[in-house]
Amino acid sequence: MIDKYLKQLCDNVTDAHSRIKQDFKEIDPVVGVSQKMRDSGIAADVMTIDCLRSGKRIIIILHDQQPNIVSYQFTFKAQDPAEQFEQTPLAELSADKLYDWMESYFS
């Protein structure tokens, strides 16, 4: 079952994704959610937002221990992520902010 924090993140990404697809047909991001880190004993969910055209990726991690904080990184699909992630409060990761991230990073 998706907890309320992951649902909030998914709802915001869905809204941003829909608007990006409408406003920027060339971006057409692909969103994925994985809970496979849990299989390795890491209590976190991972969301990826990929731009297939550019090969760029946004990684968002929602840790169980800090559900109000998300870790994120702007990277590339074909590369392993760097060790250092930025952090932001989940409450500040609005649909508008996610839209801005996709527009600026994927354009």
N, C-alpha and C. Protein backbone atom coordinates (compact mmCIF):
# COMPACT_ATOMS: atom_id res chain seq x y z
N MET A 1 0.84 -1.18 0.00
CA MET A 1 0.00 0.00 0.00
C MET A 1 0.89 1.25 0.00
N ILE A 2 0.54 2.21 -0.80
CA ILE A 2 1.29 3.45 -0.88
C ILE A 2 0.96 4.31 0.33
N ASP A 3 2.00 4.74 1.06
CA ASP A 3 1.74 5.58 2.22
C ASP A 3 1.42 7.00 1.77
N LYS A 4 1.03 7.84 2.71
CA LYS A 4 0.56 9.18 2.37
C LYS A 4 1.65 10.06 1.79
N TYR A 5 2.91 9.83 2.18
CA TYR A 5 4.01 10.65 1.67
C TYR A 5 4.30 10.31 0.21
N LEU A 6 4.34 9.03 -0.09
CA LEU A 6 4.57 8.61 -1.47
C LEU A 6 3.38 9.01 -2.34
N LYS A 7 2.17 8.91 -1.80
CA LYS A 7 0.99 9.34 -2.56
C LYS A 7 1.05 10.82 -2.88
N GLN A 8 1.45 11.63 -1.90
CA GLN A 8 1.57 13.07 -2.12
C GLN A 8 2.59 13.35 -3.23
N LEU A 9 3.73 12.69 -3.17
CA LEU A 9 4.75 12.87 -4.20
C LEU A 9 4.22 12.43 -5.57
N CYS A 10 3.59 11.29 -5.62
CA CYS A 10 3.04 10.78 -6.89
C CYS A 10 1.98 11.72 -7.46
N ASP A 11 1.11 12.23 -6.61
CA ASP A 11 0.07 13.17 -7.06
C ASP A 11 0.70 14.42 -7.67
N ASN A 12 1.73 14.96 -7.01
CA ASN A 12 2.39 16.16 -7.52
C ASN A 12 3.11 15.90 -8.84
N VAL A 13 3.77 14.76 -8.93
CA VAL A 13 4.47 14.41 -10.17
C VAL A 13 3.47 14.17 -11.30
N THR A 14 2.36 13.52 -11.00
CA THR A 14 1.34 13.29 -12.03
C THR A 14 0.82 14.61 -12.59
N ASP A 15 0.55 15.56 -11.72
CA ASP A 15 0.08 16.88 -12.15
C ASP A 15 1.14 17.57 -13.01
N ALA A 16 2.38 17.61 -12.53
CA ALA A 16 3.46 18.25 -13.28
C ALA A 16 3.70 17.56 -14.61
N HIS A 17 3.69 16.25 -14.61
CA HIS A 17 3.90 15.45 -15.82
C HIS A 17 2.84 15.77 -16.88
N SER A 18 1.60 15.82 -16.46
CA SER A 18 0.51 16.11 -17.40
C SER A 18 0.68 17.48 -18.04
N ARG A 19 1.05 18.47 -17.22
CA ARG A 19 1.22 19.82 -17.75
C ARG A 19 2.44 19.92 -18.67
N ILE A 20 3.53 19.25 -18.31
CA ILE A 20 4.73 19.26 -19.16
C ILE A 20 4.42 18.64 -20.52
N LYS A 21 3.72 17.51 -20.53
CA LYS A 21 3.36 16.85 -21.79
C LYS A 21 2.50 17.75 -22.66
N GLN A 22 1.64 18.52 -22.03
CA GLN A 22 0.77 19.43 -22.77
C GLN A 22 1.55 20.63 -23.32
N ASP A 23 2.48 21.15 -22.52
CA ASP A 23 3.19 22.38 -22.90
C ASP A 23 4.45 22.13 -23.73
N PHE A 24 5.07 20.97 -23.57
CA PHE A 24 6.34 20.67 -24.24
C PHE A 24 6.29 19.26 -24.81
N LYS A 25 5.74 19.11 -25.97
CA LYS A 25 5.57 17.78 -26.57
C LYS A 25 6.90 17.06 -26.77
N GLU A 26 7.98 17.83 -26.98
CA GLU A 26 9.28 17.22 -27.24
C GLU A 26 9.92 16.62 -25.98
N ILE A 27 9.46 17.01 -24.80
CA ILE A 27 10.06 16.48 -23.57
C ILE A 27 9.50 15.10 -23.25
N ASP A 28 8.21 14.95 -23.15
CA ASP A 28 7.52 13.68 -22.91
C ASP A 28 8.24 12.80 -21.86
N PRO A 29 8.30 13.26 -20.60
CA PRO A 29 9.02 12.50 -19.58
C PRO A 29 8.34 11.17 -19.24
N VAL A 30 9.18 10.25 -18.78
CA VAL A 30 8.72 8.94 -18.34
C VAL A 30 8.98 8.86 -16.84
N VAL A 31 7.93 8.54 -16.07
CA VAL A 31 8.03 8.50 -14.62
C VAL A 31 7.94 7.05 -14.15
N GLY A 32 8.81 6.70 -13.22
CA GLY A 32 8.78 5.37 -12.64
C GLY A 32 8.95 5.43 -11.14
N VAL A 33 8.31 4.51 -10.43
CA VAL A 33 8.45 4.40 -8.98
C VAL A 33 8.93 2.98 -8.68
N SER A 34 9.96 2.90 -7.86
CA SER A 34 10.52 1.59 -7.50
C SER A 34 10.60 1.46 -5.99
N GLN A 35 10.21 0.30 -5.52
CA GLN A 35 10.35 -0.02 -4.10
C GLN A 35 11.36 -1.15 -3.92
N LYS A 36 12.22 -1.36 -4.92
CA LYS A 36 13.20 -2.45 -4.89
C LYS A 36 14.33 -2.23 -3.90
N MET A 37 14.56 -0.97 -3.48
CA MET A 37 15.60 -0.74 -2.47
C MET A 37 15.25 -1.47 -1.19
N ARG A 38 13.97 -1.66 -0.96
CA ARG A 38 13.52 -2.37 0.24
C ARG A 38 14.01 -3.82 0.23
N ASP A 39 14.13 -4.42 -0.97
CA ASP A 39 14.64 -5.79 -1.09
C ASP A 39 16.09 -5.89 -0.60
N SER A 40 16.82 -4.75 -0.66
CA SER A 40 18.22 -4.72 -0.21
C SER A 40 18.34 -4.21 1.22
N GLY A 41 17.21 -4.04 1.89
CA GLY A 41 17.23 -3.60 3.28
C GLY A 41 17.28 -2.09 3.48
N ILE A 42 17.08 -1.33 2.41
CA ILE A 42 17.06 0.14 2.51
C ILE A 42 15.60 0.58 2.51
N ALA A 43 15.17 1.20 3.60
CA ALA A 43 13.78 1.59 3.77
C ALA A 43 13.50 2.91 3.04
N ALA A 44 13.35 2.80 1.71
CA ALA A 44 13.12 4.00 0.90
C ALA A 44 12.44 3.61 -0.40
N ASP A 45 11.74 4.58 -0.97
CA ASP A 45 11.14 4.45 -2.30
C ASP A 45 11.88 5.41 -3.22
N VAL A 46 12.02 5.01 -4.48
CA VAL A 46 12.73 5.83 -5.46
C VAL A 46 11.81 6.14 -6.62
N MET A 47 11.83 7.39 -7.03
CA MET A 47 11.11 7.81 -8.22
C MET A 47 12.13 8.33 -9.21
N THR A 48 11.98 7.93 -10.46
CA THR A 48 12.81 8.48 -11.52
C THR A 48 11.91 9.18 -12.52
N ILE A 49 12.41 10.29 -13.02
CA ILE A 49 11.73 11.02 -14.10
C ILE A 49 12.76 11.14 -15.20
N ASP A 50 12.51 10.48 -16.33
CA ASP A 50 13.47 10.43 -17.42
C ASP A 50 12.98 11.20 -18.63
N CYS A 51 13.92 11.82 -19.30
CA CYS A 51 13.67 12.41 -20.61
C CYS A 51 14.42 11.54 -21.61
N LEU A 52 13.71 10.74 -22.37
CA LEU A 52 14.35 9.79 -23.27
C LEU A 52 15.13 10.49 -24.38
N ARG A 53 14.64 11.65 -24.81
CA ARG A 53 15.29 12.40 -25.89
C ARG A 53 16.69 12.83 -25.49
N SER A 54 16.85 13.34 -24.28
CA SER A 54 18.14 13.87 -23.84
C SER A 54 18.95 12.89 -23.00
N GLY A 55 18.30 11.85 -22.50
CA GLY A 55 18.98 10.91 -21.62
C GLY A 55 19.14 11.41 -20.19
N LYS A 56 18.51 12.55 -19.88
CA LYS A 56 18.61 13.11 -18.54
C LYS A 56 17.60 12.46 -17.61
N ARG A 57 17.97 12.45 -16.32
CA ARG A 57 17.12 11.81 -15.31
C ARG A 57 17.11 12.64 -14.03
N ILE A 58 15.95 12.70 -13.41
CA ILE A 58 15.80 13.26 -12.07
C ILE A 58 15.47 12.08 -11.15
N ILE A 59 16.26 11.93 -10.10
CA ILE A 59 16.03 10.87 -9.12
C ILE A 59 15.52 11.52 -7.84
N ILE A 60 14.44 10.97 -7.30
CA ILE A 60 13.86 11.46 -6.05
C ILE A 60 13.75 10.27 -5.11
N ILE A 61 14.29 10.41 -3.90
CA ILE A 61 14.25 9.31 -2.91
C ILE A 61 13.47 9.78 -1.69
N LEU A 62 12.55 8.94 -1.26
CA LEU A 62 11.73 9.21 -0.09
C LEU A 62 12.07 8.14 0.95
N HIS A 63 12.80 8.53 1.99
CA HIS A 63 13.24 7.61 3.04
C HIS A 63 12.17 7.48 4.12
N ASP A 64 11.99 6.27 4.62
CA ASP A 64 11.02 6.03 5.69
C ASP A 64 11.37 6.79 6.97
N GLN A 65 12.68 6.93 7.27
CA GLN A 65 13.10 7.58 8.50
C GLN A 65 12.85 9.09 8.48
N GLN A 66 12.82 9.68 7.31
CA GLN A 66 12.57 11.12 7.15
C GLN A 66 11.52 11.33 6.06
N PRO A 67 10.28 10.94 6.29
CA PRO A 67 9.28 11.00 5.23
C PRO A 67 8.91 12.42 4.79
N ASN A 68 9.27 13.41 5.59
CA ASN A 68 8.96 14.79 5.21
C ASN A 68 10.08 15.44 4.42
N ILE A 69 11.17 14.72 4.19
CA ILE A 69 12.32 15.21 3.44
C ILE A 69 12.56 14.29 2.26
N VAL A 70 12.80 14.86 1.08
CA VAL A 70 13.17 14.05 -0.07
C VAL A 70 14.60 14.39 -0.48
N SER A 71 15.29 13.37 -0.93
CA SER A 71 16.62 13.54 -1.51
C SER A 71 16.43 13.52 -3.03
N TYR A 72 17.20 14.33 -3.73
CA TYR A 72 17.05 14.36 -5.18
C TYR A 72 18.38 14.64 -5.85
N GLN A 73 18.44 14.25 -7.12
CA GLN A 73 19.65 14.48 -7.91
C GLN A 73 19.27 14.60 -9.38
N PHE A 74 19.90 15.53 -10.05
CA PHE A 74 19.78 15.68 -11.50
C PHE A 74 20.97 14.94 -12.10
N THR A 75 20.70 13.94 -12.92
CA THR A 75 21.75 13.08 -13.43
C THR A 75 21.41 12.64 -14.85
N PHE A 76 22.02 11.58 -15.30
CA PHE A 76 21.76 11.01 -16.61
C PHE A 76 21.37 9.55 -16.47
N LYS A 77 20.48 9.11 -17.32
CA LYS A 77 19.97 7.75 -17.26
C LYS A 77 21.09 6.71 -17.41
N ALA A 78 22.07 7.01 -18.26
CA ALA A 78 23.14 6.05 -18.56
C ALA A 78 24.29 6.10 -17.55
N GLN A 79 24.16 6.89 -16.50
CA GLN A 79 25.23 7.01 -15.51
C GLN A 79 24.71 6.62 -14.13
N ASP A 80 25.61 6.11 -13.32
CA ASP A 80 25.27 5.88 -11.93
C ASP A 80 25.15 7.23 -11.24
N PRO A 81 24.24 7.37 -10.31
CA PRO A 81 24.13 8.64 -9.60
C PRO A 81 25.35 8.91 -8.74
N ALA A 82 25.63 10.17 -8.51
CA ALA A 82 26.71 10.55 -7.61
C ALA A 82 26.29 10.18 -6.18
N GLU A 83 27.24 10.15 -5.29
CA GLU A 83 26.93 9.79 -3.90
C GLU A 83 26.14 10.88 -3.19
N GLN A 84 26.40 12.12 -3.53
CA GLN A 84 25.78 13.25 -2.83
C GLN A 84 24.44 13.63 -3.48
N PHE A 85 23.40 13.69 -2.66
CA PHE A 85 22.09 14.11 -3.10
C PHE A 85 21.74 15.42 -2.39
N GLU A 86 20.98 16.26 -3.06
CA GLU A 86 20.42 17.45 -2.43
C GLU A 86 19.19 17.02 -1.64
N GLN A 87 18.73 17.86 -0.72
CA GLN A 87 17.51 17.55 0.03
C GLN A 87 16.58 18.76 0.03
N THR A 88 15.29 18.47 0.11
CA THR A 88 14.28 19.51 0.21
C THR A 88 13.10 18.94 0.99
N PRO A 89 12.38 19.79 1.71
CA PRO A 89 11.17 19.30 2.38
C PRO A 89 10.14 18.82 1.36
N LEU A 90 9.49 17.73 1.66
CA LEU A 90 8.45 17.21 0.76
C LEU A 90 7.37 18.26 0.52
N ALA A 91 7.03 19.03 1.54
CA ALA A 91 5.98 20.05 1.41
C ALA A 91 6.34 21.11 0.37
N GLU A 92 7.65 21.30 0.12
CA GLU A 92 8.07 22.29 -0.87
C GLU A 92 8.20 21.71 -2.27
N LEU A 93 8.06 20.40 -2.39
CA LEU A 93 8.16 19.75 -3.69
C LEU A 93 6.77 19.68 -4.33
N SER A 94 6.29 20.85 -4.67
CA SER A 94 4.95 20.99 -5.24
C SER A 94 4.95 20.58 -6.72
N ALA A 95 3.76 20.46 -7.27
CA ALA A 95 3.64 20.18 -8.70
C ALA A 95 4.30 21.28 -9.52
N ASP A 96 4.18 22.53 -9.08
CA ASP A 96 4.81 23.64 -9.79
C ASP A 96 6.33 23.52 -9.78
N LYS A 97 6.90 23.15 -8.65
CA LYS A 97 8.35 23.01 -8.56
C LYS A 97 8.83 21.85 -9.43
N LEU A 98 8.11 20.74 -9.41
CA LEU A 98 8.47 19.60 -10.26
C LEU A 98 8.35 19.97 -11.74
N TYR A 99 7.33 20.71 -12.08
CA TYR A 99 7.18 21.20 -13.46
C TYR A 99 8.40 22.03 -13.84
N ASP A 100 8.79 22.95 -12.97
CA ASP A 100 9.96 23.80 -13.23
C ASP A 100 11.23 22.97 -13.40
N TRP A 101 11.39 21.96 -12.54
CA TRP A 101 12.56 21.08 -12.66
C TRP A 101 12.58 20.41 -14.03
N MET A 102 11.45 19.84 -14.43
CA MET A 102 11.39 19.13 -15.73
C MET A 102 11.62 20.09 -16.88
N GLU A 103 10.99 21.25 -16.83
CA GLU A 103 11.15 22.21 -17.91
C GLU A 103 12.61 22.67 -18.03
N SER A 104 13.21 23.06 -16.92
CA SER A 104 14.56 23.62 -17.00
C SER A 104 15.62 22.54 -17.27
N TYR A 105 15.48 21.37 -16.68
CA TYR A 105 16.51 20.35 -16.85
C TYR A 105 16.37 19.59 -18.17
N PHE A 106 15.16 19.35 -18.60
CA PHE A 106 14.95 18.54 -19.80
C PHE A 106 14.90 19.36 -21.09
N SER A 107 14.72 20.66 -20.99
CA SER A 107 14.64 21.49 -22.21
C SER A 107 16.02 21.77 -22.77
